[in-house]
Amino acid sequence: MNPISDLVKRPTFISIVFIMLAGLGIPLIVYQLFTIDPSASLGITIEVIFLLVLFGLLIIDRFLLLNFNRKKLSVVEVIFTAGYLAYYYFTNDRSFSIG
């Protein structure tokens, strides 16, 4: 199948999150490349790495979609994501703040 039409016809939680974050992140990265001082490129590097990790999760998601039903896979993804966020919340002084 065509990968682009497959994303639209068979969306999962990870693919929806990837599309939203890539749609916001790629223009932001391009804007930062042209406006930020070259010595402050660590933020751009972290953003690119984050998008690459999300892209890797999307590829894994597409392979899993071949073996699982779409609804079951979305439920499993939401459970894993919520479980990770709950674990992070309780192990980091009940806070989602980065700073």
PDB file of N, CA and C in Angstrom:
ATOM      1  N   MET A   1       0.820  -1.189   0.000  1.00  0.00           N
ATOM      2  CA  MET A   1       0.000   0.000   0.000  1.00  0.00           C
ATOM      3  C   MET A   1       0.867   1.258   0.000  1.00  0.00           C
ATOM      4  N   ASN A   2       0.297   2.317  -0.464  1.00  0.00           N
ATOM      5  CA  ASN A   2       0.981   3.596  -0.435  1.00  0.00           C
ATOM      6  C   ASN A   2       1.068   4.079   1.015  1.00  0.00           C
ATOM      7  N   PRO A   3       2.260   4.404   1.515  1.00  0.00           N
ATOM      8  CA  PRO A   3       2.394   4.775   2.936  1.00  0.00           C
ATOM      9  C   PRO A   3       1.575   6.003   3.335  1.00  0.00           C
ATOM     10  N   ILE A   4       1.459   6.974   2.450  1.00  0.00           N
ATOM     11  CA  ILE A   4       0.717   8.188   2.797  1.00  0.00           C
ATOM     12  C   ILE A   4      -0.776   7.891   2.897  1.00  0.00           C
ATOM     13  N   SER A   5      -1.316   7.175   1.940  1.00  0.00           N
ATOM     14  CA  SER A   5      -2.749   6.857   2.011  1.00  0.00           C
ATOM     15  C   SER A   5      -3.027   5.890   3.150  1.00  0.00           C
ATOM     16  N   ASP A   6      -2.050   5.049   3.498  1.00  0.00           N
ATOM     17  CA  ASP A   6      -2.220   4.129   4.625  1.00  0.00           C
ATOM     18  C   ASP A   6      -2.321   4.895   5.940  1.00  0.00           C
ATOM     19  N   LEU A   7      -1.584   6.003   6.078  1.00  0.00           N
ATOM     20  CA  LEU A   7      -1.680   6.826   7.284  1.00  0.00           C
ATOM     21  C   LEU A   7      -3.066   7.439   7.422  1.00  0.00           C
ATOM     22  N   VAL A   8      -3.665   7.810   6.304  1.00  0.00           N
ATOM     23  CA  VAL A   8      -4.976   8.441   6.337  1.00  0.00           C
ATOM     24  C   VAL A   8      -6.085   7.405   6.508  1.00  0.00           C
ATOM     25  N   LYS A   9      -5.963   6.268   5.843  1.00  0.00           N
ATOM     26  CA  LYS A   9      -7.023   5.257   5.877  1.00  0.00           C
ATOM     27  C   LYS A   9      -7.012   4.442   7.167  1.00  0.00           C
ATOM     28  N   ARG A  10      -5.851   4.224   7.754  1.00  0.00           N
ATOM     29  CA  ARG A  10      -5.732   3.395   8.952  1.00  0.00           C
ATOM     30  C   ARG A  10      -4.939   4.124  10.032  1.00  0.00           C
ATOM     31  N   PRO A  11      -5.468   5.200  10.592  1.00  0.00           N
ATOM     32  CA  PRO A  11      -4.704   5.946  11.605  1.00  0.00           C
ATOM     33  C   PRO A  11      -4.709   5.230  12.949  1.00  0.00           C
ATOM     34  N   THR A  12      -3.623   5.404  13.690  1.00  0.00           N
ATOM     35  CA  THR A  12      -3.525   4.929  15.069  1.00  0.00           C
ATOM     36  C   THR A  12      -3.103   6.104  15.937  1.00  0.00           C
ATOM     37  N   PHE A  13      -3.016   5.868  17.227  1.00  0.00           N
ATOM     38  CA  PHE A  13      -2.657   6.938  18.160  1.00  0.00           C
ATOM     39  C   PHE A  13      -1.289   7.523  17.827  1.00  0.00           C
ATOM     40  N   ILE A  14      -0.306   6.665  17.586  1.00  0.00           N
ATOM     41  CA  ILE A  14       1.057   7.132  17.295  1.00  0.00           C
ATOM     42  C   ILE A  14       1.094   7.901  15.985  1.00  0.00           C
ATOM     43  N   SER A  15       0.370   7.436  14.969  1.00  0.00           N
ATOM     44  CA  SER A  15       0.407   8.130  13.683  1.00  0.00           C
ATOM     45  C   SER A  15      -0.255   9.500  13.776  1.00  0.00           C
ATOM     46  N   ILE A  16      -1.319   9.626  14.545  1.00  0.00           N
ATOM     47  CA  ILE A  16      -1.976  10.926  14.718  1.00  0.00           C
ATOM     48  C   ILE A  16      -1.060  11.887  15.457  1.00  0.00           C
ATOM     49  N   VAL A  17      -0.410  11.401  16.521  1.00  0.00           N
ATOM     50  CA  VAL A  17       0.525  12.247  17.281  1.00  0.00           C
ATOM     51  C   VAL A  17       1.699  12.649  16.395  1.00  0.00           C
ATOM     52  N   PHE A  18       2.216  11.720  15.605  1.00  0.00           N
ATOM     53  CA  PHE A  18       3.342  12.034  14.720  1.00  0.00           C
ATOM     54  C   PHE A  18       2.948  13.101  13.699  1.00  0.00           C
ATOM     55  N   ILE A  19       1.782  12.975  13.089  1.00  0.00           N
ATOM     56  CA  ILE A  19       1.352  13.936  12.080  1.00  0.00           C
ATOM     57  C   ILE A  19       1.194  15.322  12.700  1.00  0.00           C
ATOM     58  N   MET A  20       0.617  15.389  13.896  1.00  0.00           N
ATOM     59  CA  MET A  20       0.433  16.689  14.547  1.00  0.00           C
ATOM     60  C   MET A  20       1.779  17.313  14.911  1.00  0.00           C
ATOM     61  N   LEU A  21       2.662  16.535  15.531  1.00  0.00           N
ATOM     62  CA  LEU A  21       3.943  17.094  15.956  1.00  0.00           C
ATOM     63  C   LEU A  21       4.864  17.402  14.783  1.00  0.00           C
ATOM     64  N   ALA A  22       4.828  16.583  13.735  1.00  0.00           N
ATOM     65  CA  ALA A  22       5.643  16.872  12.556  1.00  0.00           C
ATOM     66  C   ALA A  22       5.110  18.098  11.833  1.00  0.00           C
ATOM     67  N   GLY A  23       3.789  18.252  11.781  1.00  0.00           N
ATOM     68  CA  GLY A  23       3.202  19.428  11.143  1.00  0.00           C
ATOM     69  C   GLY A  23       3.562  20.714  11.860  1.00  0.00           C
ATOM     70  N   LEU A  24       3.718  20.648  13.171  1.00  0.00           N
ATOM     71  CA  LEU A  24       4.128  21.825  13.934  1.00  0.00           C
ATOM     72  C   LEU A  24       5.647  21.950  14.026  1.00  0.00           C
ATOM     73  N   GLY A  25       6.341  20.814  14.122  1.00  0.00           N
ATOM     74  CA  GLY A  25       7.779  20.831  14.384  1.00  0.00           C
ATOM     75  C   GLY A  25       8.644  21.176  13.188  1.00  0.00           C
ATOM     76  N   ILE A  26       8.293  20.678  12.022  1.00  0.00           N
ATOM     77  CA  ILE A  26       9.135  20.915  10.851  1.00  0.00           C
ATOM     78  C   ILE A  26       9.174  22.398  10.479  1.00  0.00           C
ATOM     79  N   PRO A  27       8.036  23.104  10.412  1.00  0.00           N
ATOM     80  CA  PRO A  27       8.141  24.550  10.146  1.00  0.00           C
ATOM     81  C   PRO A  27       8.893  25.306  11.249  1.00  0.00           C
ATOM     82  N   LEU A  28       8.739  24.875  12.493  1.00  0.00           N
ATOM     83  CA  LEU A  28       9.464  25.512  13.594  1.00  0.00           C
ATOM     84  C   LEU A  28      10.967  25.323  13.434  1.00  0.00           C
ATOM     85  N   ILE A  29      11.397  24.131  13.072  1.00  0.00           N
ATOM     86  CA  ILE A  29      12.819  23.856  12.887  1.00  0.00           C
ATOM     87  C   ILE A  29      13.372  24.683  11.729  1.00  0.00           C
ATOM     88  N   VAL A  30      12.630  24.747  10.633  1.00  0.00           N
ATOM     89  CA  VAL A  30      13.082  25.545   9.485  1.00  0.00           C
ATOM     90  C   VAL A  30      13.186  27.014   9.869  1.00  0.00           C
ATOM     91  N   TYR A  31      12.194  27.518  10.598  1.00  0.00           N
ATOM     92  CA  TYR A  31      12.233  28.916  11.052  1.00  0.00           C
ATOM     93  C   TYR A  31      13.446  29.158  11.956  1.00  0.00           C
ATOM     94  N   GLN A  32      13.712  28.235  12.872  1.00  0.00           N
ATOM     95  CA  GLN A  32      14.838  28.403  13.781  1.00  0.00           C
ATOM     96  C   GLN A  32      16.172  28.331  13.042  1.00  0.00           C
ATOM     97  N   LEU A  33      16.251  27.510  12.006  1.00  0.00           N
ATOM     98  CA  LEU A  33      17.492  27.426  11.239  1.00  0.00           C
ATOM     99  C   LEU A  33      17.857  28.768  10.610  1.00  0.00           C
ATOM    100  N   PHE A  34      16.852  29.537  10.199  1.00  0.00           N
ATOM    101  CA  PHE A  34      17.115  30.802   9.526  1.00  0.00           C
ATOM    102  C   PHE A  34      17.192  31.994  10.470  1.00  0.00           C
ATOM    103  N   THR A  35      16.716  31.867  11.704  1.00  0.00           N
ATOM    104  CA  THR A  35      16.663  33.037  12.573  1.00  0.00           C
ATOM    105  C   THR A  35      17.553  32.960  13.808  1.00  0.00           C
ATOM    106  N   ILE A  36      17.894  31.774  14.269  1.00  0.00           N
ATOM    107  CA  ILE A  36      18.666  31.645  15.506  1.00  0.00           C
ATOM    108  C   ILE A  36      20.159  31.648  15.200  1.00  0.00           C
ATOM    109  N   ASP A  37      20.917  32.191  16.118  1.00  0.00           N
ATOM    110  CA  ASP A  37      22.371  32.225  16.026  1.00  0.00           C
ATOM    111  C   ASP A  37      22.912  30.801  15.889  1.00  0.00           C
ATOM    112  N   PRO A  38      23.860  30.558  14.995  1.00  0.00           N
ATOM    113  CA  PRO A  38      24.387  29.201  14.806  1.00  0.00           C
ATOM    114  C   PRO A  38      25.001  28.583  16.067  1.00  0.00           C
ATOM    115  N   SER A  39      25.444  29.395  17.009  1.00  0.00           N
ATOM    116  CA  SER A  39      26.030  28.835  18.222  1.00  0.00           C
ATOM    117  C   SER A  39      24.964  28.268  19.156  1.00  0.00           C
ATOM    118  N   ALA A  40      23.702  28.557  18.900  1.00  0.00           N
ATOM    119  CA  ALA A  40      22.604  28.067  19.741  1.00  0.00           C
ATOM    120  C   ALA A  40      21.864  26.938  19.035  1.00  0.00           C
ATOM    121  N   SER A  41      22.588  26.017  18.418  1.00  0.00           N
ATOM    122  CA  SER A  41      21.962  24.989  17.604  1.00  0.00           C
ATOM    123  C   SER A  41      21.594  23.735  18.389  1.00  0.00           C
ATOM    124  N   LEU A  42      21.860  23.681  19.701  1.00  0.00           N
ATOM    125  CA  LEU A  42      21.538  22.478  20.469  1.00  0.00           C
ATOM    126  C   LEU A  42      20.030  22.246  20.519  1.00  0.00           C
ATOM    127  N   GLY A  43      19.248  23.319  20.641  1.00  0.00           N
ATOM    128  CA  GLY A  43      17.797  23.178  20.660  1.00  0.00           C
ATOM    129  C   GLY A  43      17.271  22.576  19.372  1.00  0.00           C
ATOM    130  N   ILE A  44      17.808  23.016  18.253  1.00  0.00           N
ATOM    131  CA  ILE A  44      17.395  22.481  16.954  1.00  0.00           C
ATOM    132  C   ILE A  44      17.790  21.012  16.851  1.00  0.00           C
ATOM    133  N   THR A  45      18.958  20.674  17.334  1.00  0.00           N
ATOM    134  CA  THR A  45      19.415  19.289  17.299  1.00  0.00           C
ATOM    135  C   THR A  45      18.505  18.393  18.127  1.00  0.00           C
ATOM    136  N   ILE A  46      18.122  18.845  19.293  1.00  0.00           N
ATOM    137  CA  ILE A  46      17.220  18.062  20.145  1.00  0.00           C
ATOM    138  C   ILE A  46      15.867  17.894  19.472  1.00  0.00           C
ATOM    139  N   GLU A  47      15.369  18.941  18.824  1.00  0.00           N
ATOM    140  CA  GLU A  47      14.090  18.848  18.129  1.00  0.00           C
ATOM    141  C   GLU A  47      14.156  17.861  16.967  1.00  0.00           C
ATOM    142  N   VAL A  48      15.250  17.869  16.214  1.00  0.00           N
ATOM    143  CA  VAL A  48      15.407  16.934  15.101  1.00  0.00           C
ATOM    144  C   VAL A  48      15.490  15.501  15.620  1.00  0.00           C
ATOM    145  N   ILE A  49      16.230  15.285  16.710  1.00  0.00           N
ATOM    146  CA  ILE A  49      16.325  13.943  17.290  1.00  0.00           C
ATOM    147  C   ILE A  49      14.966  13.472  17.776  1.00  0.00           C
ATOM    148  N   PHE A  50      14.194  14.365  18.389  1.00  0.00           N
ATOM    149  CA  PHE A  50      12.849  14.024  18.847  1.00  0.00           C
ATOM    150  C   PHE A  50      11.968  13.606  17.663  1.00  0.00           C
ATOM    151  N   LEU A  51      12.030  14.345  16.552  1.00  0.00           N
ATOM    152  CA  LEU A  51      11.247  13.973  15.377  1.00  0.00           C
ATOM    153  C   LEU A  51      11.719  12.641  14.779  1.00  0.00           C
ATOM    154  N   LEU A  52      13.015  12.370  14.824  1.00  0.00           N
ATOM    155  CA  LEU A  52      13.512  11.095  14.323  1.00  0.00           C
ATOM    156  C   LEU A  52      13.053   9.932  15.194  1.00  0.00           C
ATOM    157  N   VAL A  53      13.021  10.134  16.514  1.00  0.00           N
ATOM    158  CA  VAL A  53      12.504   9.094  17.414  1.00  0.00           C
ATOM    159  C   VAL A  53      11.025   8.852  17.135  1.00  0.00           C
ATOM    160  N   LEU A  54      10.272   9.924  16.949  1.00  0.00           N
ATOM    161  CA  LEU A  54       8.856   9.770  16.609  1.00  0.00           C
ATOM    162  C   LEU A  54       8.680   9.062  15.272  1.00  0.00           C
ATOM    163  N   PHE A  55       9.544   9.363  14.310  1.00  0.00           N
ATOM    164  CA  PHE A  55       9.480   8.682  13.019  1.00  0.00           C
ATOM    165  C   PHE A  55       9.772   7.188  13.176  1.00  0.00           C
ATOM    166  N   GLY A  56      10.737   6.852  14.042  1.00  0.00           N
ATOM    167  CA  GLY A  56      11.015   5.439  14.320  1.00  0.00           C
ATOM    168  C   GLY A  56       9.817   4.748  14.962  1.00  0.00           C
ATOM    169  N   LEU A  57       9.159   5.438  15.892  1.00  0.00           N
ATOM    170  CA  LEU A  57       7.947   4.875  16.492  1.00  0.00           C
ATOM    171  C   LEU A  57       6.848   4.695  15.452  1.00  0.00           C
ATOM    172  N   LEU A  58       6.774   5.613  14.493  1.00  0.00           N
ATOM    173  CA  LEU A  58       5.783   5.492  13.433  1.00  0.00           C
ATOM    174  C   LEU A  58       6.061   4.275  12.563  1.00  0.00           C
ATOM    175  N   ILE A  59       7.322   4.019  12.258  1.00  0.00           N
ATOM    176  CA  ILE A  59       7.670   2.841  11.456  1.00  0.00           C
ATOM    177  C   ILE A  59       7.325   1.565  12.217  1.00  0.00           C
ATOM    178  N   ILE A  60       7.654   1.511  13.508  1.00  0.00           N
ATOM    179  CA  ILE A  60       7.292   0.350  14.326  1.00  0.00           C
ATOM    180  C   ILE A  60       5.781   0.199  14.378  1.00  0.00           C
ATOM    181  N   ASP A  61       5.067   1.312  14.489  1.00  0.00           N
ATOM    182  CA  ASP A  61       3.613   1.299  14.519  1.00  0.00           C
ATOM    183  C   ASP A  61       3.033   0.726  13.231  1.00  0.00           C
ATOM    184  N   ARG A  62       3.601   1.088  12.102  1.00  0.00           N
ATOM    185  CA  ARG A  62       3.099   0.574  10.821  1.00  0.00           C
ATOM    186  C   ARG A  62       3.347  -0.931  10.695  1.00  0.00           C
ATOM    187  N   PHE A  63       4.482  -1.429  11.210  1.00  0.00           N
ATOM    188  CA  PHE A  63       4.732  -2.864  11.182  1.00  0.00           C
ATOM    189  C   PHE A  63       3.781  -3.606  12.116  1.00  0.00           C
ATOM    190  N   LEU A  64       3.518  -3.029  13.285  1.00  0.00           N
ATOM    191  CA  LEU A  64       2.577  -3.660  14.211  1.00  0.00           C
ATOM    192  C   LEU A  64       1.157  -3.656  13.669  1.00  0.00           C
ATOM    193  N   LEU A  65       0.833  -2.667  12.865  1.00  0.00           N
ATOM    194  CA  LEU A  65      -0.507  -2.574  12.302  1.00  0.00           C
ATOM    195  C   LEU A  65      -0.800  -3.735  11.354  1.00  0.00           C
ATOM    196  N   LEU A  66       0.244  -4.310  10.772  1.00  0.00           N
ATOM    197  CA  LEU A  66       0.043  -5.467   9.905  1.00  0.00           C
ATOM    198  C   LEU A  66      -0.383  -6.698  10.701  1.00  0.00           C
ATOM    199  N   ASN A  67       0.008  -6.779  11.985  1.00  0.00           N
ATOM    200  CA  ASN A  67      -0.274  -7.963  12.799  1.00  0.00           C
ATOM    201  C   ASN A  67      -1.457  -7.798  13.743  1.00  0.00           C
ATOM    202  N   PHE A  68      -1.845  -6.567  14.051  1.00  0.00           N
ATOM    203  CA  PHE A  68      -2.924  -6.326  14.999  1.00  0.00           C
ATOM    204  C   PHE A  68      -4.061  -5.585  14.319  1.00  0.00           C
ATOM    205  N   ASN A  69      -5.218  -5.664  14.947  1.00  0.00           N
ATOM    206  CA  ASN A  69      -6.348  -4.860  14.528  1.00  0.00           C
ATOM    207  C   ASN A  69      -6.069  -3.405  14.904  1.00  0.00           C
ATOM    208  N   ARG A  70      -6.556  -2.468  14.111  1.00  0.00           N
ATOM    209  CA  ARG A  70      -6.274  -1.053  14.341  1.00  0.00           C
ATOM    210  C   ARG A  70      -6.771  -0.581  15.697  1.00  0.00           C
ATOM    211  N   LYS A  71      -7.981  -0.961  16.077  1.00  0.00           N
ATOM    212  CA  LYS A  71      -8.538  -0.498  17.347  1.00  0.00           C
ATOM    213  C   LYS A  71      -7.781  -1.096  18.530  1.00  0.00           C
ATOM    214  N   LYS A  72      -7.422  -2.374  18.438  1.00  0.00           N
ATOM    215  CA  LYS A  72      -6.657  -2.990  19.521  1.00  0.00           C
ATOM    216  C   LYS A  72      -5.294  -2.327  19.667  1.00  0.00           C
ATOM    217  N   LEU A  73      -4.648  -2.018  18.551  1.00  0.00           N
ATOM    218  CA  LEU A  73      -3.330  -1.387  18.593  1.00  0.00           C
ATOM    219  C   LEU A  73      -3.417   0.010  19.192  1.00  0.00           C
ATOM    220  N   SER A  74      -4.454   0.765  18.852  1.00  0.00           N
ATOM    221  CA  SER A  74      -4.614   2.106  19.416  1.00  0.00           C
ATOM    222  C   SER A  74      -4.836   2.040  20.921  1.00  0.00           C
ATOM    223  N   VAL A  75      -5.615   1.074  21.378  1.00  0.00           N
ATOM    224  CA  VAL A  75      -5.851   0.920  22.817  1.00  0.00           C
ATOM    225  C   VAL A  75      -4.550   0.570  23.526  1.00  0.00           C
ATOM    226  N   VAL A  76      -3.774  -0.333  22.951  1.00  0.00           N
ATOM    227  CA  VAL A  76      -2.493  -0.720  23.547  1.00  0.00           C
ATOM    228  C   VAL A  76      -1.548   0.483  23.590  1.00  0.00           C
ATOM    229  N   GLU A  77      -1.508   1.286  22.527  1.00  0.00           N
ATOM    230  CA  GLU A  77      -0.640   2.464  22.501  1.00  0.00           C
ATOM    231  C   GLU A  77      -1.048   3.478  23.559  1.00  0.00           C
ATOM    232  N   VAL A  78      -2.339   3.710  23.701  1.00  0.00           N
ATOM    233  CA  VAL A  78      -2.818   4.666  24.714  1.00  0.00           C
ATOM    234  C   VAL A  78      -2.490   4.156  26.113  1.00  0.00           C
ATOM    235  N   ILE A  79      -2.644   2.858  26.357  1.00  0.00           N
ATOM    236  CA  ILE A  79      -2.333   2.288  27.673  1.00  0.00           C
ATOM    237  C   ILE A  79      -0.846   2.435  27.977  1.00  0.00           C
ATOM    238  N   PHE A  80       0.015   2.136  27.005  1.00  0.00           N
ATOM    239  CA  PHE A  80       1.458   2.294  27.227  1.00  0.00           C
ATOM    240  C   PHE A  80       1.833   3.752  27.453  1.00  0.00           C
ATOM    241  N   THR A  81       1.259   4.658  26.688  1.00  0.00           N
ATOM    242  CA  THR A  81       1.561   6.077  26.855  1.00  0.00           C
ATOM    243  C   THR A  81       1.083   6.591  28.204  1.00  0.00           C
ATOM    244  N   ALA A  82      -0.146   6.243  28.586  1.00  0.00           N
ATOM    245  CA  ALA A  82      -0.681   6.675  29.882  1.00  0.00           C
ATOM    246  C   ALA A  82       0.121   6.049  31.029  1.00  0.00           C
ATOM    247  N   GLY A  83       0.516   4.792  30.878  1.00  0.00           N
ATOM    248  CA  GLY A  83       1.331   4.146  31.900  1.00  0.00           C
ATOM    249  C   GLY A  83       2.676   4.810  32.062  1.00  0.00           C
ATOM    250  N   TYR A  84       3.313   5.163  30.952  1.00  0.00           N
ATOM    251  CA  TYR A  84       4.601   5.849  31.043  1.00  0.00           C
ATOM    252  C   TYR A  84       4.445   7.217  31.696  1.00  0.00           C
ATOM    253  N   LEU A  85       3.414   7.969  31.306  1.00  0.00           N
ATOM    254  CA  LEU A  85       3.208   9.287  31.900  1.00  0.00           C
ATOM    255  C   LEU A  85       2.880   9.187  33.391  1.00  0.00           C
ATOM    256  N   ALA A  86       2.124   8.183  33.797  1.00  0.00           N
ATOM    257  CA  ALA A  86       1.832   7.993  35.222  1.00  0.00           C
ATOM    258  C   ALA A  86       3.106   7.630  35.980  1.00  0.00           C
ATOM    259  N   TYR A  87       3.929   6.750  35.408  1.00  0.00           N
ATOM    260  CA  TYR A  87       5.205   6.387  36.029  1.00  0.00           C
ATOM    261  C   TYR A  87       6.093   7.618  36.175  1.00  0.00           C
ATOM    262  N   TYR A  88       6.188   8.430  35.119  1.00  0.00           N
ATOM    263  CA  TYR A  88       7.004   9.643  35.166  1.00  0.00           C
ATOM    264  C   TYR A  88       6.474  10.613  36.212  1.00  0.00           C
ATOM    265  N   TYR A  89       5.162  10.737  36.295  1.00  0.00           N
ATOM    266  CA  TYR A  89       4.535  11.660  37.244  1.00  0.00           C
ATOM    267  C   TYR A  89       4.854  11.258  38.678  1.00  0.00           C
ATOM    268  N   PHE A  90       4.765   9.971  39.008  1.00  0.00           N
ATOM    269  CA  PHE A  90       4.970   9.528  40.383  1.00  0.00           C
ATOM    270  C   PHE A  90       6.446   9.420  40.767  1.00  0.00           C
ATOM    271  N   THR A  91       7.330   9.243  39.800  1.00  0.00           N
ATOM    272  CA  THR A  91       8.751   9.135  40.137  1.00  0.00           C
ATOM    273  C   THR A  91       9.472  10.472  40.112  1.00  0.00           C
ATOM    274  N   ASN A  92       8.859  11.532  39.607  1.00  0.00           N
ATOM    275  CA  ASN A  92       9.500  12.844  39.533  1.00  0.00           C
ATOM    276  C   ASN A  92       8.742  13.876  40.351  1.00  0.00           C
ATOM    277  N   ASP A  93       8.522  13.568  41.619  1.00  0.00           N
ATOM    278  CA  ASP A  93       7.881  14.484  42.569  1.00  0.00           C
ATOM    279  C   ASP A  93       6.521  14.991  42.099  1.00  0.00           C
ATOM    280  N   ARG A  94       5.771  14.112  41.470  1.00  0.00           N
ATOM    281  CA  ARG A  94       4.397  14.426  41.030  1.00  0.00           C
ATOM    282  C   ARG A  94       4.337  15.705  40.198  1.00  0.00           C
ATOM    283  N   SER A  95       5.222  15.812  39.226  1.00  0.00           N
ATOM    284  CA  SER A  95       5.286  17.008  38.406  1.00  0.00           C
ATOM    285  C   SER A  95       5.681  16.631  36.977  1.00  0.00           C
ATOM    286  N   PHE A  96       5.102  17.322  36.015  1.00  0.00           N
ATOM    287  CA  PHE A  96       5.482  17.136  34.618  1.00  0.00           C
ATOM    288  C   PHE A  96       6.407  18.236  34.133  1.00  0.00           C
ATOM    289  N   SER A  97       6.853  19.102  35.040  1.00  0.00           N
ATOM    290  CA  SER A  97       7.686  20.226  34.609  1.00  0.00           C
ATOM    291  C   SER A  97       9.080  19.751  34.228  1.00  0.00           C
ATOM    292  N   ILE A  98       9.671  20.428  33.285  1.00  0.00           N
ATOM    293  CA  ILE A  98      11.005  20.075  32.805  1.00  0.00           C
ATOM    294  C   ILE A  98      12.063  20.834  33.590  1.00  0.00           C
ATOM    295  N   GLY A  99      11.795  22.056  33.946  1.00  0.00           N
ATOM    296  CA  GLY A  99      12.801  22.912  34.559  1.00  0.00           C
ATOM    297  C   GLY A  99      12.968  22.795  35.997  1.00  0.00           C
TER     298      GLY A  99
END
